[in-house]
Amino acid sequence: MSFHDFETEGRRLGILRILSRRSQFTTNEYSLNDELKGAYAHHISRDKLHGDIAWLEEQGLVIAQQPRAGWIVTLTSRGADCAEGLANVPGVAKPRPGA
Protein backbone atom coordinates (compact mmCIF):
# COMPACT_ATOMS: atom_id res chain seq x y z
CA MET A 1 0.00 0.00 0.00
CA SER A 2 1.31 3.44 -0.91
CA PHE A 3 1.52 6.27 1.60
CA HIS A 4 -1.18 8.13 -0.35
CA ASP A 5 -3.58 5.17 0.03
CA PHE A 6 -2.67 4.82 3.72
CA GLU A 7 -3.40 8.51 4.31
CA THR A 8 -6.67 8.43 2.33
CA GLU A 9 -7.98 5.37 4.17
CA GLY A 10 -7.10 6.90 7.54
CA ARG A 11 -8.78 10.18 6.63
CA ARG A 12 -11.98 8.37 5.61
CA LEU A 13 -12.00 6.48 8.91
CA GLY A 14 -11.48 9.82 10.70
CA ILE A 15 -14.55 11.26 8.97
CA LEU A 16 -16.66 8.29 10.06
CA ARG A 17 -15.38 8.50 13.64
CA ILE A 18 -16.09 12.22 13.85
CA LEU A 19 -19.65 11.63 12.67
CA SER A 20 -20.12 8.74 15.11
CA ARG A 21 -19.43 11.11 18.03
CA ARG A 22 -21.78 13.87 16.87
CA SER A 23 -25.29 14.53 18.08
CA GLN A 24 -27.69 13.05 15.52
CA PHE A 25 -24.59 11.64 13.73
CA THR A 26 -24.59 14.75 11.53
CA THR A 27 -22.27 17.68 10.92
CA ASN A 28 -21.47 20.25 8.25
CA GLU A 29 -18.39 20.25 6.04
CA TYR A 30 -16.78 23.22 7.84
CA SER A 31 -16.92 21.62 11.27
CA LEU A 32 -15.82 18.29 9.80
CA ASN A 33 -12.79 19.85 8.12
CA ASP A 34 -11.85 21.73 11.31
CA GLU A 35 -11.92 18.53 13.37
CA LEU A 36 -9.97 16.61 10.73
CA LYS A 37 -7.27 19.28 11.05
CA GLY A 38 -7.30 19.53 14.84
CA ALA A 39 -7.83 15.96 16.02
CA TYR A 40 -6.47 13.95 13.08
CA ALA A 41 -3.86 16.32 11.54
CA HIS A 42 -5.38 16.01 8.05
CA HIS A 43 -4.98 19.41 6.40
CA ILE A 44 -6.91 19.05 3.15
CA SER A 45 -8.71 21.24 0.63
CA ARG A 46 -12.49 21.45 0.45
CA ASP A 47 -12.30 19.68 -2.92
CA LYS A 48 -10.50 16.71 -1.37
CA LEU A 49 -13.00 16.63 1.50
CA HIS A 50 -15.88 16.70 -0.99
CA GLY A 51 -14.24 13.84 -2.87
CA ASP A 52 -13.96 11.77 0.31
CA ILE A 53 -17.57 12.51 1.26
CA ALA A 54 -18.80 11.58 -2.23
CA TRP A 55 -16.80 8.33 -2.10
CA LEU A 56 -18.16 7.48 1.36
CA GLU A 57 -21.68 8.17 0.10
CA GLU A 58 -21.15 5.85 -2.89
CA GLN A 59 -20.20 3.11 -0.42
CA GLY A 60 -23.37 3.70 1.62
CA LEU A 61 -21.44 4.93 4.68
CA VAL A 62 -22.80 8.49 4.78
CA ILE A 63 -25.61 10.57 3.34
CA ALA A 64 -24.52 13.92 1.91
CA GLN A 65 -26.85 16.86 1.32
CA GLN A 66 -25.66 19.90 -0.58
CA PRO A 67 -27.65 23.01 0.34
CA ARG A 68 -26.29 26.37 -0.76
CA ALA A 69 -24.31 27.12 2.40
CA GLY A 70 -22.23 23.91 2.48
CA TRP A 71 -22.51 20.16 2.64
CA ILE A 72 -24.33 18.40 5.48
CA VAL A 73 -23.07 14.87 6.17
CA THR A 74 -24.92 12.17 8.13
CA LEU A 75 -23.57 8.78 9.17
CA THR A 76 -25.47 5.64 8.11
CA SER A 77 -25.71 2.49 10.20
CA ARG A 78 -23.20 0.81 7.88
CA GLY A 79 -20.86 3.78 8.36
CA ALA A 80 -21.21 3.45 12.14
CA ASP A 81 -20.33 -0.24 11.92
CA CYS A 82 -17.25 0.63 9.87
CA ALA A 83 -16.19 3.36 12.34
CA GLU A 84 -16.40 0.83 15.19
CA GLY A 85 -14.53 -1.87 13.27
CA LEU A 86 -17.58 -4.14 12.99
CA ALA A 87 -17.64 -3.91 9.18
CA ASN A 88 -14.74 -3.94 6.76
CA VAL A 89 -14.95 -1.65 3.72
CA PRO A 90 -12.00 -1.65 1.29
CA GLY A 91 -10.77 1.94 1.04
CA VAL A 92 -11.40 2.74 4.71
CA ALA A 93 -8.79 1.96 7.36
CA LYS A 94 -9.68 -0.48 10.11
CA PRO A 95 -9.64 1.01 13.61
CA ARG A 96 -6.69 -0.07 15.72
CA PRO A 97 -7.22 -1.50 19.21
CA GLY A 98 -7.41 1.21 21.85
CA ALA A 99 -7.54 4.02 19.29
C-alpha atoms as a PDB file:
ATOM      1  CA  MET A   1       0.000   0.000   0.000  1.00  0.00           C
ATOM      2  CA  SER A   2       1.308   3.442  -0.907  1.00  0.00           C
ATOM      3  CA  PHE A   3       1.521   6.273   1.599  1.00  0.00           C
ATOM      4  CA  HIS A   4      -1.185   8.132  -0.345  1.00  0.00           C
ATOM      5  CA  ASP A   5      -3.578   5.165   0.028  1.00  0.00           C
ATOM      6  CA  PHE A   6      -2.671   4.820   3.718  1.00  0.00           C
ATOM      7  CA  GLU A   7      -3.400   8.508   4.306  1.00  0.00           C
ATOM      8  CA  THR A   8      -6.671   8.428   2.329  1.00  0.00           C
ATOM      9  CA  GLU A   9      -7.981   5.365   4.173  1.00  0.00           C
ATOM     10  CA  GLY A  10      -7.099   6.902   7.538  1.00  0.00           C
ATOM     11  CA  ARG A  11      -8.783  10.180   6.633  1.00  0.00           C
ATOM     12  CA  ARG A  12     -11.981   8.375   5.614  1.00  0.00           C
ATOM     13  CA  LEU A  13     -11.997   6.482   8.907  1.00  0.00           C
ATOM     14  CA  GLY A  14     -11.484   9.815  10.699  1.00  0.00           C
ATOM     15  CA  ILE A  15     -14.546  11.263   8.966  1.00  0.00           C
ATOM     16  CA  LEU A  16     -16.662   8.295  10.061  1.00  0.00           C
ATOM     17  CA  ARG A  17     -15.380   8.496  13.636  1.00  0.00           C
ATOM     18  CA  ILE A  18     -16.090  12.219  13.847  1.00  0.00           C
ATOM     19  CA  LEU A  19     -19.651  11.629  12.668  1.00  0.00           C
ATOM     20  CA  SER A  20     -20.122   8.742  15.112  1.00  0.00           C
ATOM     21  CA  ARG A  21     -19.434  11.106  18.035  1.00  0.00           C
ATOM     22  CA  ARG A  22     -21.781  13.868  16.871  1.00  0.00           C
ATOM     23  CA  SER A  23     -25.289  14.532  18.077  1.00  0.00           C
ATOM     24  CA  GLN A  24     -27.691  13.053  15.521  1.00  0.00           C
ATOM     25  CA  PHE A  25     -24.585  11.641  13.729  1.00  0.00           C
ATOM     26  CA  THR A  26     -24.592  14.748  11.530  1.00  0.00           C
ATOM     27  CA  THR A  27     -22.272  17.679  10.925  1.00  0.00           C
ATOM     28  CA  ASN A  28     -21.465  20.249   8.254  1.00  0.00           C
ATOM     29  CA  GLU A  29     -18.394  20.252   6.038  1.00  0.00           C
ATOM     30  CA  TYR A  30     -16.778  23.216   7.838  1.00  0.00           C
ATOM     31  CA  SER A  31     -16.922  21.618  11.267  1.00  0.00           C
ATOM     32  CA  LEU A  32     -15.822  18.287   9.803  1.00  0.00           C
ATOM     33  CA  ASN A  33     -12.794  19.851   8.118  1.00  0.00           C
ATOM     34  CA  ASP A  34     -11.853  21.730  11.309  1.00  0.00           C
ATOM     35  CA  GLU A  35     -11.920  18.535  13.367  1.00  0.00           C
ATOM     36  CA  LEU A  36      -9.971  16.613  10.733  1.00  0.00           C
ATOM     37  CA  LYS A  37      -7.269  19.277  11.050  1.00  0.00           C
ATOM     38  CA  GLY A  38      -7.305  19.529  14.838  1.00  0.00           C
ATOM     39  CA  ALA A  39      -7.830  15.960  16.019  1.00  0.00           C
ATOM     40  CA  TYR A  40      -6.471  13.953  13.081  1.00  0.00           C
ATOM     41  CA  ALA A  41      -3.856  16.316  11.535  1.00  0.00           C
ATOM     42  CA  HIS A  42      -5.377  16.007   8.049  1.00  0.00           C
ATOM     43  CA  HIS A  43      -4.975  19.415   6.398  1.00  0.00           C
ATOM     44  CA  ILE A  44      -6.907  19.048   3.148  1.00  0.00           C
ATOM     45  CA  SER A  45      -8.709  21.239   0.633  1.00  0.00           C
ATOM     46  CA  ARG A  46     -12.485  21.448   0.449  1.00  0.00           C
ATOM     47  CA  ASP A  47     -12.297  19.677  -2.919  1.00  0.00           C
ATOM     48  CA  LYS A  48     -10.500  16.711  -1.371  1.00  0.00           C
ATOM     49  CA  LEU A  49     -13.001  16.628   1.502  1.00  0.00           C
ATOM     50  CA  HIS A  50     -15.880  16.701  -0.992  1.00  0.00           C
ATOM     51  CA  GLY A  51     -14.241  13.836  -2.875  1.00  0.00           C
ATOM     52  CA  ASP A  52     -13.963  11.766   0.310  1.00  0.00           C
ATOM     53  CA  ILE A  53     -17.567  12.512   1.263  1.00  0.00           C
ATOM     54  CA  ALA A  54     -18.799  11.581  -2.225  1.00  0.00           C
ATOM     55  CA  TRP A  55     -16.799   8.327  -2.099  1.00  0.00           C
ATOM     56  CA  LEU A  56     -18.164   7.479   1.363  1.00  0.00           C
ATOM     57  CA  GLU A  57     -21.676   8.171   0.098  1.00  0.00           C
ATOM     58  CA  GLU A  58     -21.150   5.849  -2.891  1.00  0.00           C
ATOM     59  CA  GLN A  59     -20.200   3.110  -0.423  1.00  0.00           C
ATOM     60  CA  GLY A  60     -23.368   3.704   1.624  1.00  0.00           C
ATOM     61  CA  LEU A  61     -21.436   4.928   4.680  1.00  0.00           C
ATOM     62  CA  VAL A  62     -22.796   8.492   4.782  1.00  0.00           C
ATOM     63  CA  ILE A  63     -25.613  10.573   3.339  1.00  0.00           C
ATOM     64  CA  ALA A  64     -24.523  13.923   1.907  1.00  0.00           C
ATOM     65  CA  GLN A  65     -26.846  16.856   1.316  1.00  0.00           C
ATOM     66  CA  GLN A  66     -25.663  19.900  -0.579  1.00  0.00           C
ATOM     67  CA  PRO A  67     -27.646  23.008   0.343  1.00  0.00           C
ATOM     68  CA  ARG A  68     -26.292  26.375  -0.762  1.00  0.00           C
ATOM     69  CA  ALA A  69     -24.311  27.116   2.398  1.00  0.00           C
ATOM     70  CA  GLY A  70     -22.232  23.907   2.484  1.00  0.00           C
ATOM     71  CA  TRP A  71     -22.513  20.161   2.642  1.00  0.00           C
ATOM     72  CA  ILE A  72     -24.329  18.400   5.483  1.00  0.00           C
ATOM     73  CA  VAL A  73     -23.073  14.869   6.174  1.00  0.00           C
ATOM     74  CA  THR A  74     -24.922  12.167   8.133  1.00  0.00           C
ATOM     75  CA  LEU A  75     -23.567   8.779   9.172  1.00  0.00           C
ATOM     76  CA  THR A  76     -25.467   5.645   8.112  1.00  0.00           C
ATOM     77  CA  SER A  77     -25.707   2.491  10.204  1.00  0.00           C
ATOM     78  CA  ARG A  78     -23.199   0.806   7.877  1.00  0.00           C
ATOM     79  CA  GLY A  79     -20.865   3.776   8.359  1.00  0.00           C
ATOM     80  CA  ALA A  80     -21.212   3.453  12.143  1.00  0.00           C
ATOM     81  CA  ASP A  81     -20.327  -0.238  11.921  1.00  0.00           C
ATOM     82  CA  CYS A  82     -17.254   0.632   9.872  1.00  0.00           C
ATOM     83  CA  ALA A  83     -16.191   3.361  12.341  1.00  0.00           C
ATOM     84  CA  GLU A  84     -16.395   0.834  15.191  1.00  0.00           C
ATOM     85  CA  GLY A  85     -14.532  -1.871  13.272  1.00  0.00           C
ATOM     86  CA  LEU A  86     -17.581  -4.138  12.991  1.00  0.00           C
ATOM     87  CA  ALA A  87     -17.641  -3.909   9.183  1.00  0.00           C
ATOM     88  CA  ASN A  88     -14.740  -3.936   6.755  1.00  0.00           C
ATOM     89  CA  VAL A  89     -14.948  -1.650   3.716  1.00  0.00           C
ATOM     90  CA  PRO A  90     -12.004  -1.651   1.287  1.00  0.00           C
ATOM     91  CA  GLY A  91     -10.769   1.941   1.039  1.00  0.00           C
ATOM     92  CA  VAL A  92     -11.396   2.740   4.714  1.00  0.00           C
ATOM     93  CA  ALA A  93      -8.789   1.960   7.360  1.00  0.00           C
ATOM     94  CA  LYS A  94      -9.675  -0.478  10.110  1.00  0.00           C
ATOM     95  CA  PRO A  95      -9.639   1.015  13.609  1.00  0.00           C
ATOM     96  CA  ARG A  96      -6.689  -0.072  15.720  1.00  0.00           C
ATOM     97  CA  PRO A  97      -7.222  -1.502  19.211  1.00  0.00           C
ATOM     98  CA  GLY A  98      -7.409   1.206  21.850  1.00  0.00           C
ATOM     99  CA  ALA A  99      -7.540   4.019  19.291  1.00  0.00           C
END
